Amino acid sequence: AAALNVVEPTSTGLGGDVFALYRTADGEVGAMRSCGGAPADATIE
């Protein structure tokens, strides 16, 4: 993913979000969600 930030910067980057679905060697099935929200002062008004 980090390399893609450099060699395919047209599609991805450190300024974005990242997610994962996975199965570990010991059988755990899990997910990682790393996406931020709107700023605290970003109201519609």
All heavy atoms as atom14 arrays in JSON, in Angstrom:
{
  "sequence": "AAALNVVEPTSTGLGGDVFALYRTADGEVGAMRSCGGAPADATIE",
  "atom14_mask": [
    [1, 1, 1, 1, 1, 0, 0, 0, 0, 0, 0, 0, 0, 0],
    [1, 1, 1, 1, 1, 0, 0, 0, 0, 0, 0, 0, 0, 0],
    [1, 1, 1, 1, 1, 0, 0, 0, 0, 0, 0, 0, 0, 0],
    [1, 1, 1, 1, 1, 1, 1, 1, 0, 0, 0, 0, 0, 0],
    [1, 1, 1, 1, 1, 1, 1, 1, 0, 0, 0, 0, 0, 0],
    [1, 1, 1, 1, 1, 1, 1, 0, 0, 0, 0, 0, 0, 0],
    [1, 1, 1, 1, 1, 1, 1, 0, 0, 0, 0, 0, 0, 0],
    [1, 1, 1, 1, 1, 1, 1, 1, 1, 0, 0, 0, 0, 0],
    [1, 1, 1, 1, 1, 1, 1, 0, 0, 0, 0, 0, 0, 0],
    [1, 1, 1, 1, 1, 1, 1, 0, 0, 0, 0, 0, 0, 0],
    [1, 1, 1, 1, 1, 1, 0, 0, 0, 0, 0, 0, 0, 0],
    [1, 1, 1, 1, 1, 1, 1, 0, 0, 0, 0, 0, 0, 0],
    [1, 1, 1, 1, 0, 0, 0, 0, 0, 0, 0, 0, 0, 0],
    [1, 1, 1, 1, 1, 1, 1, 1, 0, 0, 0, 0, 0, 0],
    [1, 1, 1, 1, 0, 0, 0, 0, 0, 0, 0, 0, 0, 0],
    [1, 1, 1, 1, 0, 0, 0, 0, 0, 0, 0, 0, 0, 0],
    [1, 1, 1, 1, 1, 1, 1, 1, 0, 0, 0, 0, 0, 0],
    [1, 1, 1, 1, 1, 1, 1, 0, 0, 0, 0, 0, 0, 0],
    [1, 1, 1, 1, 1, 1, 1, 1, 1, 1, 1, 0, 0, 0],
    [1, 1, 1, 1, 1, 0, 0, 0, 0, 0, 0, 0, 0, 0],
    [1, 1, 1, 1, 1, 1, 1, 1, 0, 0, 0, 0, 0, 0],
    [1, 1, 1, 1, 1, 1, 1, 1, 1, 1, 1, 1, 0, 0],
    [1, 1, 1, 1, 1, 1, 1, 1, 1, 1, 1, 0, 0, 0],
    [1, 1, 1, 1, 1, 1, 1, 0, 0, 0, 0, 0, 0, 0],
    [1, 1, 1, 1, 1, 0, 0, 0, 0, 0, 0, 0, 0, 0],
    [1, 1, 1, 1, 1, 1, 1, 1, 0, 0, 0, 0, 0, 0],
    [1, 1, 1, 1, 0, 0, 0, 0, 0, 0, 0, 0, 0, 0],
    [1, 1, 1, 1, 1, 1, 1, 1, 1, 0, 0, 0, 0, 0],
    [1, 1, 1, 1, 1, 1, 1, 0, 0, 0, 0, 0, 0, 0],
    [1, 1, 1, 1, 0, 0, 0, 0, 0, 0, 0, 0, 0, 0],
    [1, 1, 1, 1, 1, 0, 0, 0, 0, 0, 0, 0, 0, 0],
    [1, 1, 1, 1, 1, 1, 1, 1, 0, 0, 0, 0, 0, 0],
    [1, 1, 1, 1, 1, 1, 1, 1, 1, 1, 1, 0, 0, 0],
    [1, 1, 1, 1, 1, 1, 0, 0, 0, 0, 0, 0, 0, 0],
    [1, 1, 1, 1, 1, 1, 0, 0, 0, 0, 0, 0, 0, 0],
    [1, 1, 1, 1, 0, 0, 0, 0, 0, 0, 0, 0, 0, 0],
    [1, 1, 1, 1, 0, 0, 0, 0, 0, 0, 0, 0, 0, 0],
    [1, 1, 1, 1, 1, 0, 0, 0, 0, 0, 0, 0, 0, 0],
    [1, 1, 1, 1, 1, 1, 1, 0, 0, 0, 0, 0, 0, 0],
    [1, 1, 1, 1, 1, 0, 0, 0, 0, 0, 0, 0, 0, 0],
    [1, 1, 1, 1, 1, 1, 1, 1, 0, 0, 0, 0, 0, 0],
    [1, 1, 1, 1, 1, 0, 0, 0, 0, 0, 0, 0, 0, 0],
    [1, 1, 1, 1, 1, 1, 1, 0, 0, 0, 0, 0, 0, 0],
    [1, 1, 1, 1, 1, 1, 1, 1, 0, 0, 0, 0, 0, 0],
    [1, 1, 1, 1, 1, 1, 1, 1, 1, 0, 0, 0, 0, 0]
  ],
  "atom14_positions": [
    [[0.83, -1.21, 0.0], [0.0, 0.0, 0.0], [0.86, 1.25, 0.0], [0.59, 2.23, -0.72], [-0.93, -0.01, 1.2], [0.0, 0.0, 0.0], [0.0, 0.0, 0.0], [0.0, 0.0, 0.0], [0.0, 0.0, 0.0], [0.0, 0.0, 0.0], [0.0, 0.0, 0.0], [0.0, 0.0, 0.0], [0.0, 0.0, 0.0], [0.0, 0.0, 0.0]],
    [[1.91, 1.26, 0.82], [2.8, 2.43, 0.88], [3.48, 2.65, -0.47], [3.6, 3.79, -0.94], [3.83, 2.24, 1.98], [0.0, 0.0, 0.0], [0.0, 0.0, 0.0], [0.0, 0.0, 0.0], [0.0, 0.0, 0.0], [0.0, 0.0, 0.0], [0.0, 0.0, 0.0], [0.0, 0.0, 0.0], [0.0, 0.0, 0.0], [0.0, 0.0, 0.0]],
    [[3.92, 1.56, -1.1], [4.54, 1.69, -2.41], [3.56, 2.23, -3.44], [3.91, 3.04, -4.3], [5.11, 0.35, -2.86], [0.0, 0.0, 0.0], [0.0, 0.0, 0.0], [0.0, 0.0, 0.0], [0.0, 0.0, 0.0], [0.0, 0.0, 0.0], [0.0, 0.0, 0.0], [0.0, 0.0, 0.0], [0.0, 0.0, 0.0], [0.0, 0.0, 0.0]],
    [[2.31, 1.79, -3.37], [1.29, 2.3, -4.3], [1.1, 3.8, -4.13], [0.8, 4.52, -5.09], [-0.04, 1.57, -4.08], [-0.12, 0.15, -4.63], [-1.33, -0.58, -4.04], [-0.2, 0.15, -6.15], [0.0, 0.0, 0.0], [0.0, 0.0, 0.0], [0.0, 0.0, 0.0], [0.0, 0.0, 0.0], [0.0, 0.0, 0.0], [0.0, 0.0, 0.0]],
    [[1.26, 4.31, -2.91], [1.17, 5.75, -2.67], [2.17, 6.52, -3.53], [1.95, 7.68, -3.86], [1.45, 6.07, -1.2], [0.26, 5.9, -0.3], [0.01, 6.74, 0.56], [-0.49, 4.83, -0.46], [0.0, 0.0, 0.0], [0.0, 0.0, 0.0], [0.0, 0.0, 0.0], [0.0, 0.0, 0.0], [0.0, 0.0, 0.0], [0.0, 0.0, 0.0]],
    [[3.28, 5.86, -3.87], [4.35, 6.5, -4.63], [4.24, 6.19, -6.12], [4.27, 7.09, -6.96], [5.72, 6.04, -4.09], [6.85, 6.68, -4.91], [5.88, 6.39, -2.62], [0.0, 0.0, 0.0], [0.0, 0.0, 0.0], [0.0, 0.0, 0.0], [0.0, 0.0, 0.0], [0.0, 0.0, 0.0], [0.0, 0.0, 0.0], [0.0, 0.0, 0.0]],
    [[4.09, 4.91, -6.46], [4.13, 4.51, -7.87], [2.78, 4.6, -8.56], [2.7, 4.58, -9.78], [4.74, 3.1, -8.04], [6.14, 3.05, -7.49], [3.86, 2.03, -7.38], [0.0, 0.0, 0.0], [0.0, 0.0, 0.0], [0.0, 0.0, 0.0], [0.0, 0.0, 0.0], [0.0, 0.0, 0.0], [0.0, 0.0, 0.0], [0.0, 0.0, 0.0]],
    [[1.7, 4.7, -7.78], [0.37, 4.95, -8.35], [-0.33, 6.05, -7.54], [-1.42, 5.86, -7.0], [-0.49, 3.68, -8.36], [-1.73, 3.81, -9.21], [-2.58, 2.55, -9.25], [-2.06, 1.45, -9.05], [-3.8, 2.69, -9.5], [0.0, 0.0, 0.0], [0.0, 0.0, 0.0], [0.0, 0.0, 0.0], [0.0, 0.0, 0.0], [0.0, 0.0, 0.0]],
    [[0.3, 7.24, -7.45], [-0.27, 8.3, -6.63], [-1.54, 8.89, -7.22], [-2.21, 9.69, -6.55], [0.86, 9.34, -6.59], [1.55, 9.16, -7.9], [1.52, 7.67, -8.15], [0.0, 0.0, 0.0], [0.0, 0.0, 0.0], [0.0, 0.0, 0.0], [0.0, 0.0, 0.0], [0.0, 0.0, 0.0], [0.0, 0.0, 0.0], [0.0, 0.0, 0.0]],
    [[-1.86, 8.51, -8.43], [-3.1, 8.96, -9.08], [-4.33, 8.32, -8.46], [-5.45, 8.75, -8.76], [-3.05, 8.6, -10.56], [-2.76, 7.2, -10.69], [-1.96, 9.37, -11.28], [0.0, 0.0, 0.0], [0.0, 0.0, 0.0], [0.0, 0.0, 0.0], [0.0, 0.0, 0.0], [0.0, 0.0, 0.0], [0.0, 0.0, 0.0], [0.0, 0.0, 0.0]],
    [[-4.16, 7.31, -7.6], [-5.3, 6.58, -7.06], [-5.32, 6.49, -5.55], [-6.36, 6.12, -4.98], [-5.32, 5.14, -7.61], [-5.37, 5.12, -9.01], [0.0, 0.0, 0.0], [0.0, 0.0, 0.0], [0.0, 0.0, 0.0], [0.0, 0.0, 0.0], [0.0, 0.0, 0.0], [0.0, 0.0, 0.0], [0.0, 0.0, 0.0], [0.0, 0.0, 0.0]],
    [[-4.21, 6.79, -4.89], [-4.16, 6.54, -3.45], [-3.11, 7.42, -2.8], [-2.24, 7.97, -3.48], [-3.86, 5.06, -3.16], [-3.98, 4.82, -1.75], [-2.47, 4.66, -3.64], [0.0, 0.0, 0.0], [0.0, 0.0, 0.0], [0.0, 0.0, 0.0], [0.0, 0.0, 0.0], [0.0, 0.0, 0.0], [0.0, 0.0, 0.0], [0.0, 0.0, 0.0]],
    [[-3.18, 7.53, -1.47], [-2.2, 8.36, -0.8], [-2.41, 8.44, 0.7], [-3.45, 8.04, 1.24], [0.0, 0.0, 0.0], [0.0, 0.0, 0.0], [0.0, 0.0, 0.0], [0.0, 0.0, 0.0], [0.0, 0.0, 0.0], [0.0, 0.0, 0.0], [0.0, 0.0, 0.0], [0.0, 0.0, 0.0], [0.0, 0.0, 0.0], [0.0, 0.0, 0.0]],
    [[-1.4, 8.99, 1.38], [-1.45, 9.16, 2.83], [-2.58, 10.07, 3.28], [-3.01, 10.02, 4.42], [-0.12, 9.73, 3.32], [0.97, 8.73, 3.67], [2.31, 9.42, 3.77], [0.63, 8.01, 4.97], [0.0, 0.0, 0.0], [0.0, 0.0, 0.0], [0.0, 0.0, 0.0], [0.0, 0.0, 0.0], [0.0, 0.0, 0.0], [0.0, 0.0, 0.0]],
    [[-3.07, 10.9, 2.37], [-4.17, 11.81, 2.71], [-5.53, 11.18, 2.63], [-6.54, 11.87, 2.73], [0.0, 0.0, 0.0], [0.0, 0.0, 0.0], [0.0, 0.0, 0.0], [0.0, 0.0, 0.0], [0.0, 0.0, 0.0], [0.0, 0.0, 0.0], [0.0, 0.0, 0.0], [0.0, 0.0, 0.0], [0.0, 0.0, 0.0], [0.0, 0.0, 0.0]],
    [[-5.6, 9.84, 2.46], [-6.87, 9.14, 2.33], [-7.15, 8.21, 3.49], [-6.62, 8.36, 4.59], [0.0, 0.0, 0.0], [0.0, 0.0, 0.0], [0.0, 0.0, 0.0], [0.0, 0.0, 0.0], [0.0, 0.0, 0.0], [0.0, 0.0, 0.0], [0.0, 0.0, 0.0], [0.0, 0.0, 0.0], [0.0, 0.0, 0.0], [0.0, 0.0, 0.0]],
    [[-7.97, 7.2, 3.23], [-8.4, 6.24, 4.24], [-7.97, 4.83, 3.84], [-7.63, 4.57, 2.68], [-9.93, 6.27, 4.39], [-10.44, 7.58, 4.97], [-9.7, 8.2, 5.77], [-11.57, 7.98, 4.64], [0.0, 0.0, 0.0], [0.0, 0.0, 0.0], [0.0, 0.0, 0.0], [0.0, 0.0, 0.0], [0.0, 0.0, 0.0], [0.0, 0.0, 0.0]],
    [[-8.04, 3.9, 4.8], [-7.63, 2.52, 4.54], [-8.51, 1.55, 5.33], [-8.92, 1.85, 6.45], [-6.13, 2.31, 4.88], [-5.86, 2.52, 6.36], [-5.65, 0.95, 4.43], [0.0, 0.0, 0.0], [0.0, 0.0, 0.0], [0.0, 0.0, 0.0], [0.0, 0.0, 0.0], [0.0, 0.0, 0.0], [0.0, 0.0, 0.0], [0.0, 0.0, 0.0]],
    [[-8.79, 0.4, 4.7], [-9.65, -0.63, 5.3], [-9.05, -2.0, 5.02], [-8.33, -2.2, 4.03], [-11.05, -0.58, 4.71], [-11.75, 0.73, 4.86], [-11.56, 1.73, 3.93], [-12.59, 0.98, 5.94], [-12.19, 2.96, 4.06], [-13.22, 2.21, 6.08], [-13.03, 3.2, 5.13], [0.0, 0.0, 0.0], [0.0, 0.0, 0.0], [0.0, 0.0, 0.0]],
    [[-9.38, -2.97, 5.87], [-8.89, -4.33, 5.67], [-9.93, -5.34, 6.12], [-10.68, -5.11, 7.08], [-7.6, -4.56, 6.44], [0.0, 0.0, 0.0], [0.0, 0.0, 0.0], [0.0, 0.0, 0.0], [0.0, 0.0, 0.0], [0.0, 0.0, 0.0], [0.0, 0.0, 0.0], [0.0, 0.0, 0.0], [0.0, 0.0, 0.0], [0.0, 0.0, 0.0]],
    [[-9.98, -6.47, 5.43], [-10.65, -7.68, 5.88], [-9.6, -8.77, 5.89], [-8.79, -8.87, 4.96], [-11.79, -8.08, 4.94], [-13.16, -7.48, 5.19], [-14.13, -7.94, 4.11], [-13.7, -7.88, 6.56], [0.0, 0.0, 0.0], [0.0, 0.0, 0.0], [0.0, 0.0, 0.0], [0.0, 0.0, 0.0], [0.0, 0.0, 0.0], [0.0, 0.0, 0.0]],
    [[-9.6, -9.63, 6.9], [-8.5, -10.57, 7.01], [-8.89, -11.85, 7.75], [-9.87, -11.9, 8.5], [-7.31, -9.93, 7.71], [-7.61, -9.42, 9.11], [-7.55, -10.27, 10.22], [-7.96, -8.08, 9.34], [-7.82, -9.8, 11.5], [-8.23, -7.6, 10.61], [-8.16, -8.47, 11.69], [-8.44, -8.01, 12.96], [0.0, 0.0, 0.0], [0.0, 0.0, 0.0]],
    [[-8.09, -12.88, 7.5], [-8.09, -14.1, 8.3], [-6.66, -14.32, 8.75], [-5.73, -14.3, 7.94], [-8.54, -15.31, 7.49], [-8.53, -16.61, 8.29], [-8.48, -17.83, 7.42], [-8.59, -19.05, 8.2], [-7.56, -19.71, 8.76], [-6.34, -19.23, 8.66], [-7.76, -20.82, 9.45], [0.0, 0.0, 0.0], [0.0, 0.0, 0.0], [0.0, 0.0, 0.0]],
    [[-6.45, -14.5, 10.05], [-5.11, -14.73, 10.56], [-4.78, -16.23, 10.55], [-5.66, -17.08, 10.4], [-4.96, -14.21, 12.0], [-5.8, -14.99, 12.86], [-5.34, -12.74, 12.08], [0.0, 0.0, 0.0], [0.0, 0.0, 0.0], [0.0, 0.0, 0.0], [0.0, 0.0, 0.0], [0.0, 0.0, 0.0], [0.0, 0.0, 0.0], [0.0, 0.0, 0.0]],
    [[-3.49, -16.54, 10.74], [-3.05, -17.93, 10.73], [-3.72, -18.75, 11.82], [-3.89, -19.97, 11.67], [-1.53, -17.99, 10.88], [0.0, 0.0, 0.0], [0.0, 0.0, 0.0], [0.0, 0.0, 0.0], [0.0, 0.0, 0.0], [0.0, 0.0, 0.0], [0.0, 0.0, 0.0], [0.0, 0.0, 0.0], [0.0, 0.0, 0.0], [0.0, 0.0, 0.0]],
    [[-4.11, -18.11, 12.92], [-4.78, -18.86, 13.99], [-6.29, -18.87, 13.84], [-7.01, -19.29, 14.76], [-4.37, -18.31, 15.36], [-4.75, -16.85, 15.56], [-5.46, -16.29, 14.7], [-4.34, -16.27, 16.59], [0.0, 0.0, 0.0], [0.0, 0.0, 0.0], [0.0, 0.0, 0.0], [0.0, 0.0, 0.0], [0.0, 0.0, 0.0], [0.0, 0.0, 0.0]],
    [[-6.81, -18.4, 12.71], [-8.23, -18.54, 12.41], [-9.1, -17.36, 12.75], [-10.32, -17.4, 12.52], [0.0, 0.0, 0.0], [0.0, 0.0, 0.0], [0.0, 0.0, 0.0], [0.0, 0.0, 0.0], [0.0, 0.0, 0.0], [0.0, 0.0, 0.0], [0.0, 0.0, 0.0], [0.0, 0.0, 0.0], [0.0, 0.0, 0.0], [0.0, 0.0, 0.0]],
    [[-8.53, -16.27, 13.25], [-9.35, -15.08, 13.54], [-9.79, -14.41, 12.24], [-8.97, -14.18, 11.34], [-8.54, -14.08, 14.37], [-9.3, -12.78, 14.64], [-8.42, -11.67, 15.2], [-7.23, -11.92, 15.47], [-8.92, -10.53, 15.34], [0.0, 0.0, 0.0], [0.0, 0.0, 0.0], [0.0, 0.0, 0.0], [0.0, 0.0, 0.0], [0.0, 0.0, 0.0]],
    [[-11.06, -14.1, 12.14], [-11.58, -13.34, 11.01], [-11.94, -11.95, 11.53], [-12.71, -11.81, 12.48], [-12.82, -14.02, 10.4], [-13.38, -13.17, 9.25], [-12.46, -15.41, 9.9], [0.0, 0.0, 0.0], [0.0, 0.0, 0.0], [0.0, 0.0, 0.0], [0.0, 0.0, 0.0], [0.0, 0.0, 0.0], [0.0, 0.0, 0.0], [0.0, 0.0, 0.0]],
    [[-11.36, -10.94, 10.92], [-11.57, -9.6, 11.44], [-11.53, -8.53, 10.37], [-11.34, -8.8, 9.19], [0.0, 0.0, 0.0], [0.0, 0.0, 0.0], [0.0, 0.0, 0.0], [0.0, 0.0, 0.0], [0.0, 0.0, 0.0], [0.0, 0.0, 0.0], [0.0, 0.0, 0.0], [0.0, 0.0, 0.0], [0.0, 0.0, 0.0], [0.0, 0.0, 0.0]],
    [[-11.71, -7.3, 10.82], [-11.73, -6.15, 9.92], [-11.08, -4.97, 10.61], [-11.12, -4.85, 11.84], [-13.16, -5.81, 9.53], [0.0, 0.0, 0.0], [0.0, 0.0, 0.0], [0.0, 0.0, 0.0], [0.0, 0.0, 0.0], [0.0, 0.0, 0.0], [0.0, 0.0, 0.0], [0.0, 0.0, 0.0], [0.0, 0.0, 0.0], [0.0, 0.0, 0.0]],
    [[-10.48, -4.12, 9.81], [-9.9, -2.87, 10.29], [-10.48, -1.73, 9.48], [-10.53, -1.78, 8.26], [-8.38, -2.9, 10.18], [-7.68, -1.72, 10.89], [-7.48, -0.27, 9.83], [-6.35, -0.88, 8.6], [0.0, 0.0, 0.0], [0.0, 0.0, 0.0], [0.0, 0.0, 0.0], [0.0, 0.0, 0.0], [0.0, 0.0, 0.0], [0.0, 0.0, 0.0]],
    [[-10.99, -0.74, 10.18], [-11.57, 0.44, 9.53], [-10.81, 1.66, 10.03], [-10.78, 1.95, 11.22], [-13.06, 0.56, 9.87], [-13.72, 1.82, 9.31], [-15.23, 1.76, 9.43], [-15.69, 1.61, 10.8], [-16.89, 1.12, 11.13], [-17.72, 0.73, 10.19], [-17.25, 1.02, 12.4], [0.0, 0.0, 0.0], [0.0, 0.0, 0.0], [0.0, 0.0, 0.0]],
    [[-10.2, 2.38, 9.08], [-9.42, 3.55, 9.45], [-9.81, 4.71, 8.55], [-9.12, 5.02, 7.57], [-7.92, 3.24, 9.35], [-7.15, 4.24, 10.0], [0.0, 0.0, 0.0], [0.0, 0.0, 0.0], [0.0, 0.0, 0.0], [0.0, 0.0, 0.0], [0.0, 0.0, 0.0], [0.0, 0.0, 0.0], [0.0, 0.0, 0.0], [0.0, 0.0, 0.0]],
    [[-10.94, 5.31, 8.85], [-11.43, 6.45, 8.08], [-11.9, 7.54, 9.04], [-12.59, 7.27, 10.01], [-12.55, 6.05, 7.12], [-14.08, 5.51, 7.91], [0.0, 0.0, 0.0], [0.0, 0.0, 0.0], [0.0, 0.0, 0.0], [0.0, 0.0, 0.0], [0.0, 0.0, 0.0], [0.0, 0.0, 0.0], [0.0, 0.0, 0.0], [0.0, 0.0, 0.0]],
    [[-11.49, 8.76, 8.74], [-11.84, 9.88, 9.6], [-13.15, 10.53, 9.21], [-13.73, 10.25, 8.16], [0.0, 0.0, 0.0], [0.0, 0.0, 0.0], [0.0, 0.0, 0.0], [0.0, 0.0, 0.0], [0.0, 0.0, 0.0], [0.0, 0.0, 0.0], [0.0, 0.0, 0.0], [0.0, 0.0, 0.0], [0.0, 0.0, 0.0], [0.0, 0.0, 0.0]],
    [[-13.6, 11.4, 10.08], [-14.87, 12.09, 9.86], [-14.67, 13.55, 9.5], [-13.57, 14.03, 9.25], [0.0, 0.0, 0.0], [0.0, 0.0, 0.0], [0.0, 0.0, 0.0], [0.0, 0.0, 0.0], [0.0, 0.0, 0.0], [0.0, 0.0, 0.0], [0.0, 0.0, 0.0], [0.0, 0.0, 0.0], [0.0, 0.0, 0.0], [0.0, 0.0, 0.0]],
    [[-15.78, 14.26, 9.5], [-15.76, 15.69, 9.2], [-15.16, 16.46, 10.38], [-15.26, 16.04, 11.53], [-17.18, 16.17, 8.93], [0.0, 0.0, 0.0], [0.0, 0.0, 0.0], [0.0, 0.0, 0.0], [0.0, 0.0, 0.0], [0.0, 0.0, 0.0], [0.0, 0.0, 0.0], [0.0, 0.0, 0.0], [0.0, 0.0, 0.0], [0.0, 0.0, 0.0]],
    [[-14.54, 17.6, 10.12], [-14.02, 18.43, 11.21], [-15.11, 18.85, 12.19], [-16.3, 18.9, 11.84], [-13.43, 19.64, 10.47], [-13.12, 19.15, 9.11], [-14.2, 18.15, 8.79], [0.0, 0.0, 0.0], [0.0, 0.0, 0.0], [0.0, 0.0, 0.0], [0.0, 0.0, 0.0], [0.0, 0.0, 0.0], [0.0, 0.0, 0.0], [0.0, 0.0, 0.0]],
    [[-14.71, 19.17, 13.4], [-15.67, 19.51, 14.46], [-16.5, 20.75, 14.12], [-17.64, 20.89, 14.58], [-14.93, 19.71, 15.78], [0.0, 0.0, 0.0], [0.0, 0.0, 0.0], [0.0, 0.0, 0.0], [0.0, 0.0, 0.0], [0.0, 0.0, 0.0], [0.0, 0.0, 0.0], [0.0, 0.0, 0.0], [0.0, 0.0, 0.0], [0.0, 0.0, 0.0]],
    [[-15.94, 21.66, 13.33], [-16.67, 22.88, 12.99], [-17.38, 22.79, 11.63], [-17.96, 23.79, 11.17], [-15.71, 24.07, 12.97], [-15.23, 24.44, 14.36], [-15.96, 24.17, 15.34], [-14.11, 24.97, 14.48], [0.0, 0.0, 0.0], [0.0, 0.0, 0.0], [0.0, 0.0, 0.0], [0.0, 0.0, 0.0], [0.0, 0.0, 0.0], [0.0, 0.0, 0.0]],
    [[-17.35, 21.61, 11.01], [-17.94, 21.47, 9.68], [-19.43, 21.15, 9.79], [-19.88, 20.03, 9.54], [-17.22, 20.38, 8.89], [0.0, 0.0, 0.0], [0.0, 0.0, 0.0], [0.0, 0.0, 0.0], [0.0, 0.0, 0.0], [0.0, 0.0, 0.0], [0.0, 0.0, 0.0], [0.0, 0.0, 0.0], [0.0, 0.0, 0.0], [0.0, 0.0, 0.0]],
    [[-20.21, 22.15, 10.16], [-21.66, 22.01, 10.16], [-22.21, 22.41, 8.79], [-21.53, 23.07, 8.0], [-22.3, 22.9, 11.22], [-22.03, 24.27, 10.88], [-21.73, 22.61, 12.61], [0.0, 0.0, 0.0], [0.0, 0.0, 0.0], [0.0, 0.0, 0.0], [0.0, 0.0, 0.0], [0.0, 0.0, 0.0], [0.0, 0.0, 0.0], [0.0, 0.0, 0.0]],
    [[-23.43, 22.02, 8.51], [-24.06, 22.42, 7.25], [-24.09, 23.94, 7.14], [-23.78, 24.51, 6.08], [-25.47, 21.82, 7.14], [-25.39, 20.3, 6.95], [-26.25, 22.46, 5.99], [-26.73, 19.6, 6.95], [0.0, 0.0, 0.0], [0.0, 0.0, 0.0], [0.0, 0.0, 0.0], [0.0, 0.0, 0.0], [0.0, 0.0, 0.0], [0.0, 0.0, 0.0]],
    [[-24.43, 24.6, 8.24], [-24.55, 26.05, 8.22], [-23.2, 26.7, 7.95], [-23.08, 27.65, 7.16], [-25.12, 26.55, 9.55], [-26.55, 26.1, 9.84], [-26.66, 24.64, 10.25], [-25.62, 24.05, 10.66], [-27.77, 24.07, 10.14], [0.0, 0.0, 0.0], [0.0, 0.0, 0.0], [0.0, 0.0, 0.0], [0.0, 0.0, 0.0], [0.0, 0.0, 0.0]]
  ]
}
